[in-house]
Amino acid sequence: MPSYFFHTRDGEKLDIDEEGTDLPDDRSARHAAKELLAALNRERLPNGDEMSLSVIVQNAEGAEIYVASLHFEGRRGAPAHAGKHDETS
């Protein structure tokens, strides 16, 4: 069974997967990357208003076969009363 390596990037921080995971094929590796990205998102999203996450998948030969990325940016909206006109006149 082929080995795949799932490196993760959180902003500028890159974590290298040195152990790898045995999976049947590239399709399974792509699915695993999406699952990992979703888990990272759930874990890290509450920690701020901006985040960039990526999962980079390499096969045992070192070829990059897939990259899954997510960028989140949150911002506060204008106060509810801003921009409303007085309709009583």
PDB file of N, CA and C in Angstrom:
ATOM      1  N   MET A   1       0.851  -1.177   0.000  1.00  0.00           N
ATOM      2  CA  MET A   1       0.000   0.000   0.000  1.00  0.00           C
ATOM      3  C   MET A   1       0.897   1.240   0.000  1.00  0.00           C
ATOM      4  N   PRO A   2       0.582   2.238  -0.835  1.00  0.00           N
ATOM      5  CA  PRO A   2       1.417   3.439  -0.924  1.00  0.00           C
ATOM      6  C   PRO A   2       1.365   4.291   0.349  1.00  0.00           C
ATOM      7  N   SER A   3       2.462   4.987   0.608  1.00  0.00           N
ATOM      8  CA  SER A   3       2.534   5.923   1.732  1.00  0.00           C
ATOM      9  C   SER A   3       2.337   7.343   1.231  1.00  0.00           C
ATOM     10  N   TYR A   4       1.644   8.144   2.041  1.00  0.00           N
ATOM     11  CA  TYR A   4       1.397   9.554   1.744  1.00  0.00           C
ATOM     12  C   TYR A   4       1.774  10.379   2.966  1.00  0.00           C
ATOM     13  N   PHE A   5       2.266  11.574   2.707  1.00  0.00           N
ATOM     14  CA  PHE A   5       2.700  12.471   3.769  1.00  0.00           C
ATOM     15  C   PHE A   5       1.834  13.726   3.721  1.00  0.00           C
ATOM     16  N   PHE A   6       1.287  14.093   4.879  1.00  0.00           N
ATOM     17  CA  PHE A   6       0.351  15.207   4.986  1.00  0.00           C
ATOM     18  C   PHE A   6       1.009  16.342   5.771  1.00  0.00           C
ATOM     19  N   HIS A   7       1.638  17.246   5.057  1.00  0.00           N
ATOM     20  CA  HIS A   7       2.272  18.407   5.676  1.00  0.00           C
ATOM     21  C   HIS A   7       1.195  19.472   5.865  1.00  0.00           C
ATOM     22  N   THR A   8       1.252  20.190   6.978  1.00  0.00           N
ATOM     23  CA  THR A   8       0.252  21.221   7.235  1.00  0.00           C
ATOM     24  C   THR A   8       0.915  22.584   7.373  1.00  0.00           C
ATOM     25  N   ARG A   9       0.224  23.586   6.856  1.00  0.00           N
ATOM     26  CA  ARG A   9       0.696  24.968   6.973  1.00  0.00           C
ATOM     27  C   ARG A   9      -0.412  25.774   7.647  1.00  0.00           C
ATOM     28  N   ASP A  10      -0.030  26.460   8.721  1.00  0.00           N
ATOM     29  CA  ASP A  10      -0.927  27.360   9.445  1.00  0.00           C
ATOM     30  C   ASP A  10      -0.279  28.732   9.383  1.00  0.00           C
ATOM     31  N   GLY A  11      -0.743  29.569   8.452  1.00  0.00           N
ATOM     32  CA  GLY A  11      -0.079  30.855   8.228  1.00  0.00           C
ATOM     33  C   GLY A  11       1.311  30.606   7.664  1.00  0.00           C
ATOM     34  N   GLU A  12       2.324  31.044   8.392  1.00  0.00           N
ATOM     35  CA  GLU A  12       3.708  30.858   7.950  1.00  0.00           C
ATOM     36  C   GLU A  12       4.342  29.593   8.529  1.00  0.00           C
ATOM     37  N   LYS A  13       3.661  28.933   9.465  1.00  0.00           N
ATOM     38  CA  LYS A  13       4.224  27.756  10.141  1.00  0.00           C
ATOM     39  C   LYS A  13       3.937  26.485   9.337  1.00  0.00           C
ATOM     40  N   LEU A  14       4.997  25.780   8.971  1.00  0.00           N
ATOM     41  CA  LEU A  14       4.877  24.524   8.228  1.00  0.00           C
ATOM     42  C   LEU A  14       5.258  23.368   9.139  1.00  0.00           C
ATOM     43  N   ASP A  15       4.353  22.405   9.278  1.00  0.00           N
ATOM     44  CA  ASP A  15       4.623  21.182  10.040  1.00  0.00           C
ATOM     45  C   ASP A  15       4.789  20.038   9.051  1.00  0.00           C
ATOM     46  N   ILE A  16       5.938  19.384   9.122  1.00  0.00           N
ATOM     47  CA  ILE A  16       6.275  18.289   8.212  1.00  0.00           C
ATOM     48  C   ILE A  16       5.839  16.957   8.815  1.00  0.00           C
ATOM     49  N   ASP A  17       5.115  16.189   8.049  1.00  0.00           N
ATOM     50  CA  ASP A  17       4.709  14.834   8.430  1.00  0.00           C
ATOM     51  C   ASP A  17       5.863  13.901   8.079  1.00  0.00           C
ATOM     52  N   GLU A  18       6.551  13.409   9.084  1.00  0.00           N
ATOM     53  CA  GLU A  18       7.701  12.533   8.848  1.00  0.00           C
ATOM     54  C   GLU A  18       7.338  11.055   8.905  1.00  0.00           C
ATOM     55  N   GLU A  19       6.137  10.738   9.392  1.00  0.00           N
ATOM     56  CA  GLU A  19       5.733   9.336   9.528  1.00  0.00           C
ATOM     57  C   GLU A  19       4.995   8.812   8.306  1.00  0.00           C
ATOM     58  N   GLY A  20       4.112   9.624   7.761  1.00  0.00           N
ATOM     59  CA  GLY A  20       3.326   9.183   6.617  1.00  0.00           C
ATOM     60  C   GLY A  20       2.172   8.289   7.029  1.00  0.00           C
ATOM     61  N   THR A  21       1.303   8.056   6.062  1.00  0.00           N
ATOM     62  CA  THR A  21       0.116   7.230   6.259  1.00  0.00           C
ATOM     63  C   THR A  21      -0.051   6.339   5.042  1.00  0.00           C
ATOM     64  N   ASP A  22      -0.304   5.068   5.269  1.00  0.00           N
ATOM     65  CA  ASP A  22      -0.549   4.141   4.160  1.00  0.00           C
ATOM     66  C   ASP A  22      -2.015   4.224   3.747  1.00  0.00           C
ATOM     67  N   LEU A  23      -2.227   4.473   2.463  1.00  0.00           N
ATOM     68  CA  LEU A  23      -3.575   4.552   1.904  1.00  0.00           C
ATOM     69  C   LEU A  23      -3.599   3.825   0.570  1.00  0.00           C
ATOM     70  N   PRO A  24      -4.775   3.382   0.134  1.00  0.00           N
ATOM     71  CA  PRO A  24      -4.846   2.583  -1.094  1.00  0.00           C
ATOM     72  C   PRO A  24      -4.431   3.317  -2.365  1.00  0.00           C
ATOM     73  N   ASP A  25      -4.753   4.639  -2.452  1.00  0.00           N
ATOM     74  CA  ASP A  25      -4.498   5.342  -3.717  1.00  0.00           C
ATOM     75  C   ASP A  25      -4.551   6.857  -3.518  1.00  0.00           C
ATOM     76  N   ASP A  26      -4.264   7.594  -4.606  1.00  0.00           N
ATOM     77  CA  ASP A  26      -4.264   9.059  -4.557  1.00  0.00           C
ATOM     78  C   ASP A  26      -5.638   9.619  -4.182  1.00  0.00           C
ATOM     79  N   ARG A  27      -6.679   8.997  -4.671  1.00  0.00           N
ATOM     80  CA  ARG A  27      -8.033   9.470  -4.352  1.00  0.00           C
ATOM     81  C   ARG A  27      -8.273   9.426  -2.844  1.00  0.00           C
ATOM     82  N   SER A  28      -7.856   8.362  -2.209  1.00  0.00           N
ATOM     83  CA  SER A  28      -8.001   8.241  -0.754  1.00  0.00           C
ATOM     84  C   SER A  28      -7.168   9.300  -0.039  1.00  0.00           C
ATOM     85  N   ALA A  29      -5.995   9.603  -0.575  1.00  0.00           N
ATOM     86  CA  ALA A  29      -5.128  10.631   0.014  1.00  0.00           C
ATOM     87  C   ALA A  29      -5.773  12.011  -0.106  1.00  0.00           C
ATOM     88  N   ARG A  30      -6.387  12.298  -1.247  1.00  0.00           N
ATOM     89  CA  ARG A  30      -7.082  13.583  -1.420  1.00  0.00           C
ATOM     90  C   ARG A  30      -8.229  13.711  -0.418  1.00  0.00           C
ATOM     91  N   HIS A  31      -8.983  12.642  -0.252  1.00  0.00           N
ATOM     92  CA  HIS A  31     -10.087  12.649   0.711  1.00  0.00           C
ATOM     93  C   HIS A  31      -9.552  12.868   2.129  1.00  0.00           C
ATOM     94  N   ALA A  32      -8.477  12.192   2.477  1.00  0.00           N
ATOM     95  CA  ALA A  32      -7.878  12.345   3.806  1.00  0.00           C
ATOM     96  C   ALA A  32      -7.393  13.775   4.026  1.00  0.00           C
ATOM     97  N   ALA A  33      -6.863  14.413   2.986  1.00  0.00           N
ATOM     98  CA  ALA A  33      -6.405  15.801   3.092  1.00  0.00           C
ATOM     99  C   ALA A  33      -7.573  16.733   3.403  1.00  0.00           C
ATOM    100  N   LYS A  34      -8.702  16.514   2.745  1.00  0.00           N
ATOM    101  CA  LYS A  34      -9.886  17.339   2.997  1.00  0.00           C
ATOM    102  C   LYS A  34     -10.390  17.143   4.423  1.00  0.00           C
ATOM    103  N   GLU A  35     -10.391  15.907   4.883  1.00  0.00           N
ATOM    104  CA  GLU A  35     -10.818  15.619   6.257  1.00  0.00           C
ATOM    105  C   GLU A  35      -9.886  16.287   7.263  1.00  0.00           C
ATOM    106  N   LEU A  36      -8.585  16.218   7.012  1.00  0.00           N
ATOM    107  CA  LEU A  36      -7.611  16.844   7.902  1.00  0.00           C
ATOM    108  C   LEU A  36      -7.794  18.357   7.910  1.00  0.00           C
ATOM    109  N   LEU A  37      -7.999  18.961   6.749  1.00  0.00           N
ATOM    110  CA  LEU A  37      -8.211  20.406   6.673  1.00  0.00           C
ATOM    111  C   LEU A  37      -9.456  20.813   7.463  1.00  0.00           C
ATOM    112  N   ALA A  38     -10.526  20.047   7.355  1.00  0.00           N
ATOM    113  CA  ALA A  38     -11.749  20.341   8.108  1.00  0.00           C
ATOM    114  C   ALA A  38     -11.501  20.246   9.613  1.00  0.00           C
ATOM    115  N   ALA A  39     -10.747  19.246  10.044  1.00  0.00           N
ATOM    116  CA  ALA A  39     -10.436  19.092  11.465  1.00  0.00           C
ATOM    117  C   ALA A  39      -9.578  20.255  11.965  1.00  0.00           C
ATOM    118  N   LEU A  40      -8.584  20.656  11.179  1.00  0.00           N
ATOM    119  CA  LEU A  40      -7.746  21.799  11.554  1.00  0.00           C
ATOM    120  C   LEU A  40      -8.592  23.062  11.657  1.00  0.00           C
ATOM    121  N   ASN A  41      -9.514  23.228  10.733  1.00  0.00           N
ATOM    122  CA  ASN A  41     -10.400  24.387  10.749  1.00  0.00           C
ATOM    123  C   ASN A  41     -11.222  24.422  12.035  1.00  0.00           C
ATOM    124  N   ARG A  42     -11.832  23.314  12.402  1.00  0.00           N
ATOM    125  CA  ARG A  42     -12.640  23.257  13.628  1.00  0.00           C
ATOM    126  C   ARG A  42     -11.794  23.564  14.854  1.00  0.00           C
ATOM    127  N   GLU A  43     -10.567  23.091  14.856  1.00  0.00           N
ATOM    128  CA  GLU A  43      -9.678  23.266  16.001  1.00  0.00           C
ATOM    129  C   GLU A  43      -9.175  24.703  16.130  1.00  0.00           C
ATOM    130  N   ARG A  44      -8.899  25.362  15.036  1.00  0.00           N
ATOM    131  CA  ARG A  44      -8.188  26.644  15.087  1.00  0.00           C
ATOM    132  C   ARG A  44      -9.025  27.869  14.777  1.00  0.00           C
ATOM    133  N   LEU A  45     -10.177  27.719  14.163  1.00  0.00           N
ATOM    134  CA  LEU A  45     -10.981  28.874  13.767  1.00  0.00           C
ATOM    135  C   LEU A  45     -11.342  29.790  14.930  1.00  0.00           C
ATOM    136  N   PRO A  46     -11.733  29.296  16.093  1.00  0.00           N
ATOM    137  CA  PRO A  46     -12.126  30.209  17.167  1.00  0.00           C
ATOM    138  C   PRO A  46     -10.990  31.085  17.699  1.00  0.00           C
ATOM    139  N   ASN A  47      -9.770  30.868  17.262  1.00  0.00           N
ATOM    140  CA  ASN A  47      -8.629  31.581  17.827  1.00  0.00           C
ATOM    141  C   ASN A  47      -8.344  32.929  17.181  1.00  0.00           C
ATOM    142  N   GLY A  48      -9.200  33.433  16.345  1.00  0.00           N
ATOM    143  CA  GLY A  48      -8.940  34.739  15.742  1.00  0.00           C
ATOM    144  C   GLY A  48      -9.855  35.023  14.572  1.00  0.00           C
ATOM    145  N   ASP A  49      -9.637  36.192  13.958  1.00  0.00           N
ATOM    146  CA  ASP A  49     -10.475  36.618  12.848  1.00  0.00           C
ATOM    147  C   ASP A  49      -9.833  36.422  11.485  1.00  0.00           C
ATOM    148  N   GLU A  50      -8.638  35.870  11.450  1.00  0.00           N
ATOM    149  CA  GLU A  50      -7.996  35.612  10.164  1.00  0.00           C
ATOM    150  C   GLU A  50      -7.166  34.345  10.278  1.00  0.00           C
ATOM    151  N   MET A  51      -7.224  33.528   9.236  1.00  0.00           N
ATOM    152  CA  MET A  51      -6.516  32.262   9.285  1.00  0.00           C
ATOM    153  C   MET A  51      -6.326  31.740   7.868  1.00  0.00           C
ATOM    154  N   SER A  52      -5.166  31.173   7.613  1.00  0.00           N
ATOM    155  CA  SER A  52      -4.902  30.462   6.362  1.00  0.00           C
ATOM    156  C   SER A  52      -4.363  29.090   6.723  1.00  0.00           C
ATOM    157  N   LEU A  53      -5.007  28.064   6.228  1.00  0.00           N
ATOM    158  CA  LEU A  53      -4.591  26.686   6.483  1.00  0.00           C
ATOM    159  C   LEU A  53      -4.414  25.961   5.162  1.00  0.00           C
ATOM    160  N   SER A  54      -3.423  25.081   5.115  1.00  0.00           N
ATOM    161  CA  SER A  54      -3.226  24.233   3.939  1.00  0.00           C
ATOM    162  C   SER A  54      -2.769  22.856   4.377  1.00  0.00           C
ATOM    163  N   VAL A  55      -3.144  21.867   3.592  1.00  0.00           N
ATOM    164  CA  VAL A  55      -2.631  20.511   3.732  1.00  0.00           C
ATOM    165  C   VAL A  55      -1.981  20.170   2.400  1.00  0.00           C
ATOM    166  N   ILE A  56      -0.697  19.839   2.450  1.00  0.00           N
ATOM    167  CA  ILE A  56       0.067  19.495   1.253  1.00  0.00           C
ATOM    168  C   ILE A  56       0.329  17.999   1.293  1.00  0.00           C
ATOM    169  N   VAL A  57      -0.098  17.287   0.260  1.00  0.00           N
ATOM    170  CA  VAL A  57       0.060  15.831   0.224  1.00  0.00           C
ATOM    171  C   VAL A  57       1.190  15.469  -0.729  1.00  0.00           C
ATOM    172  N   GLN A  58       2.130  14.681  -0.212  1.00  0.00           N
ATOM    173  CA  GLN A  58       3.218  14.148  -1.034  1.00  0.00           C
ATOM    174  C   GLN A  58       3.144  12.636  -1.017  1.00  0.00           C
ATOM    175  N   ASN A  59       3.500  12.036  -2.153  1.00  0.00           N
ATOM    176  CA  ASN A  59       3.581  10.577  -2.183  1.00  0.00           C
ATOM    177  C   ASN A  59       4.962  10.143  -1.688  1.00  0.00           C
ATOM    178  N   ALA A  60       5.196   8.849  -1.641  1.00  0.00           N
ATOM    179  CA  ALA A  60       6.457   8.315  -1.107  1.00  0.00           C
ATOM    180  C   ALA A  60       7.670   8.743  -1.925  1.00  0.00           C
ATOM    181  N   GLU A  61       7.461   9.095  -3.191  1.00  0.00           N
ATOM    182  CA  GLU A  61       8.564   9.550  -4.049  1.00  0.00           C
ATOM    183  C   GLU A  61       8.857  11.033  -3.861  1.00  0.00           C
ATOM    184  N   GLY A  62       8.053  11.722  -3.051  1.00  0.00           N
ATOM    185  CA  GLY A  62       8.259  13.147  -2.792  1.00  0.00           C
ATOM    186  C   GLY A  62       7.508  14.076  -3.720  1.00  0.00           C
ATOM    187  N   ALA A  63       6.693  13.521  -4.618  1.00  0.00           N
ATOM    188  CA  ALA A  63       5.911  14.355  -5.535  1.00  0.00           C
ATOM    189  C   ALA A  63       4.684  14.911  -4.814  1.00  0.00           C
ATOM    190  N   GLU A  64       4.448  16.200  -4.990  1.00  0.00           N
ATOM    191  CA  GLU A  64       3.262  16.829  -4.425  1.00  0.00           C
ATOM    192  C   GLU A  64       2.072  16.440  -5.297  1.00  0.00           C
ATOM    193  N   ILE A  65       1.115  15.731  -4.704  1.00  0.00           N
ATOM    194  CA  ILE A  65      -0.018  15.261  -5.510  1.00  0.00           C
ATOM    195  C   ILE A  65      -1.303  16.043  -5.271  1.00  0.00           C
ATOM    196  N   TYR A  66      -1.348  16.816  -4.175  1.00  0.00           N
ATOM    197  CA  TYR A  66      -2.586  17.535  -3.875  1.00  0.00           C
ATOM    198  C   TYR A  66      -2.312  18.586  -2.817  1.00  0.00           C
ATOM    199  N   VAL A  67      -3.007  19.721  -2.932  1.00  0.00           N
ATOM    200  CA  VAL A  67      -2.969  20.763  -1.905  1.00  0.00           C
ATOM    201  C   VAL A  67      -4.403  21.207  -1.646  1.00  0.00           C
ATOM    202  N   ALA A  68      -4.809  21.162  -0.395  1.00  0.00           N
ATOM    203  CA  ALA A  68      -6.120  21.664   0.018  1.00  0.00           C
ATOM    204  C   ALA A  68      -5.874  22.885   0.898  1.00  0.00           C
ATOM    205  N   SER A  69      -6.526  24.001   0.578  1.00  0.00           N
ATOM    206  CA  SER A  69      -6.295  25.245   1.317  1.00  0.00           C
ATOM    207  C   SER A  69      -7.614  25.891   1.714  1.00  0.00           C
ATOM    208  N   LEU A  70      -7.543  26.650   2.802  1.00  0.00           N
ATOM    209  CA  LEU A  70      -8.698  27.373   3.298  1.00  0.00           C
ATOM    210  C   LEU A  70      -8.213  28.690   3.869  1.00  0.00           C
ATOM    211  N   HIS A  71      -8.865  29.780   3.467  1.00  0.00           N
ATOM    212  CA  HIS A  71      -8.558  31.087   4.044  1.00  0.00           C
ATOM    213  C   HIS A  71      -9.834  31.622   4.671  1.00  0.00           C
ATOM    214  N   PHE A  72      -9.727  32.049   5.924  1.00  0.00           N
ATOM    215  CA  PHE A  72     -10.858  32.622   6.639  1.00  0.00           C
ATOM    216  C   PHE A  72     -10.510  34.041   7.041  1.00  0.00           C
ATOM    217  N   GLU A  73     -11.464  34.941   6.833  1.00  0.00           N
ATOM    218  CA  GLU A  73     -11.304  36.316   7.299  1.00  0.00           C
ATOM    219  C   GLU A  73     -12.642  36.771   7.852  1.00  0.00           C
ATOM    220  N   GLY A  74     -12.644  37.179   9.098  1.00  0.00           N
ATOM    221  CA  GLY A  74     -13.857  37.685   9.726  1.00  0.00           C
ATOM    222  C   GLY A  74     -13.687  39.161  10.040  1.00  0.00           C
ATOM    223  N   ARG A  75     -14.774  39.891   9.947  1.00  0.00           N
ATOM    224  CA  ARG A  75     -14.724  41.305  10.310  1.00  0.00           C
ATOM    225  C   ARG A  75     -16.064  41.706  10.891  1.00  0.00           C
ATOM    226  N   ARG A  76     -16.020  42.708  11.722  1.00  0.00           N
ATOM    227  CA  ARG A  76     -17.245  43.221  12.316  1.00  0.00           C
ATOM    228  C   ARG A  76     -17.964  44.101  11.313  1.00  0.00           C
ATOM    229  N   GLY A  77     -19.251  44.022  11.320  1.00  0.00           N
ATOM    230  CA  GLY A  77     -20.055  44.886  10.462  1.00  0.00           C
ATOM    231  C   GLY A  77     -20.282  46.230  11.128  1.00  0.00           C
ATOM    232  N   ALA A  78     -20.874  47.128  10.404  1.00  0.00           N
ATOM    233  CA  ALA A  78     -21.221  48.434  10.951  1.00  0.00           C
ATOM    234  C   ALA A  78     -22.330  48.255  11.990  1.00  0.00           C
ATOM    235  N   PRO A  79     -22.386  49.128  12.985  1.00  0.00           N
ATOM    236  CA  PRO A  79     -23.474  49.042  13.968  1.00  0.00           C
ATOM    237  C   PRO A  79     -24.831  49.075  13.266  1.00  0.00           C
ATOM    238  N   ALA A  80     -25.823  48.437  13.856  1.00  0.00           N
ATOM    239  CA  ALA A  80     -27.140  48.295  13.237  1.00  0.00           C
ATOM    240  C   ALA A  80     -27.779  49.632  12.889  1.00  0.00           C
ATOM    241  N   HIS A  81     -27.508  50.670  13.655  1.00  0.00           N
ATOM    242  CA  HIS A  81     -28.142  51.960  13.402  1.00  0.00           C
ATOM    243  C   HIS A  81     -27.398  52.791  12.352  1.00  0.00           C
ATOM    244  N   ALA A  82     -26.219  52.429  11.997  1.00  0.00           N
ATOM    245  CA  ALA A  82     -25.440  53.210  11.032  1.00  0.00           C
ATOM    246  C   ALA A  82     -26.093  53.160   9.657  1.00  0.00           C
ATOM    247  N   GLY A  83     -26.213  54.316   9.043  1.00  0.00           N
ATOM    248  CA  GLY A  83     -26.725  54.377   7.683  1.00  0.00           C
ATOM    249  C   GLY A  83     -28.242  54.390   7.572  1.00  0.00           C
ATOM    250  N   LYS A  84     -28.962  54.208   8.668  1.00  0.00           N
ATOM    251  CA  LYS A  84     -30.426  54.253   8.620  1.00  0.00           C
ATOM    252  C   LYS A  84     -30.886  55.704   8.692  1.00  0.00           C
ATOM    253  N   HIS A  85     -31.913  56.008   7.962  1.00  0.00           N
ATOM    254  CA  HIS A  85     -32.471  57.358   7.944  1.00  0.00           C
ATOM    255  C   HIS A  85     -33.679  57.416   8.864  1.00  0.00           C
ATOM    256  N   ASP A  86     -33.891  58.566   9.421  1.00  0.00           N
ATOM    257  CA  ASP A  86     -35.071  58.788  10.253  1.00  0.00           C
ATOM    258  C   ASP A  86     -36.289  58.842   9.341  1.00  0.00           C
ATOM    259  N   GLU A  87     -37.180  57.886   9.464  1.00  0.00           N
ATOM    260  CA  GLU A  87     -38.329  57.797   8.567  1.00  0.00           C
ATOM    261  C   GLU A  87     -39.557  58.517   9.114  1.00  0.00           C
ATOM    262  N   THR A  88     -39.414  59.265  10.206  1.00  0.00           N
ATOM    263  CA  THR A  88     -40.571  59.945  10.791  1.00  0.00           C
ATOM    264  C   THR A  88     -40.857  61.280  10.131  1.00  0.00           C
ATOM    265  N   SER A  89     -39.976  61.810   9.312  1.00  0.00           N
ATOM    266  CA  SER A  89     -40.217  63.121   8.698  1.00  0.00           C
ATOM    267  C   SER A  89     -40.781  63.019   7.317  1.00  0.00           C
TER     268      SER A  89
END
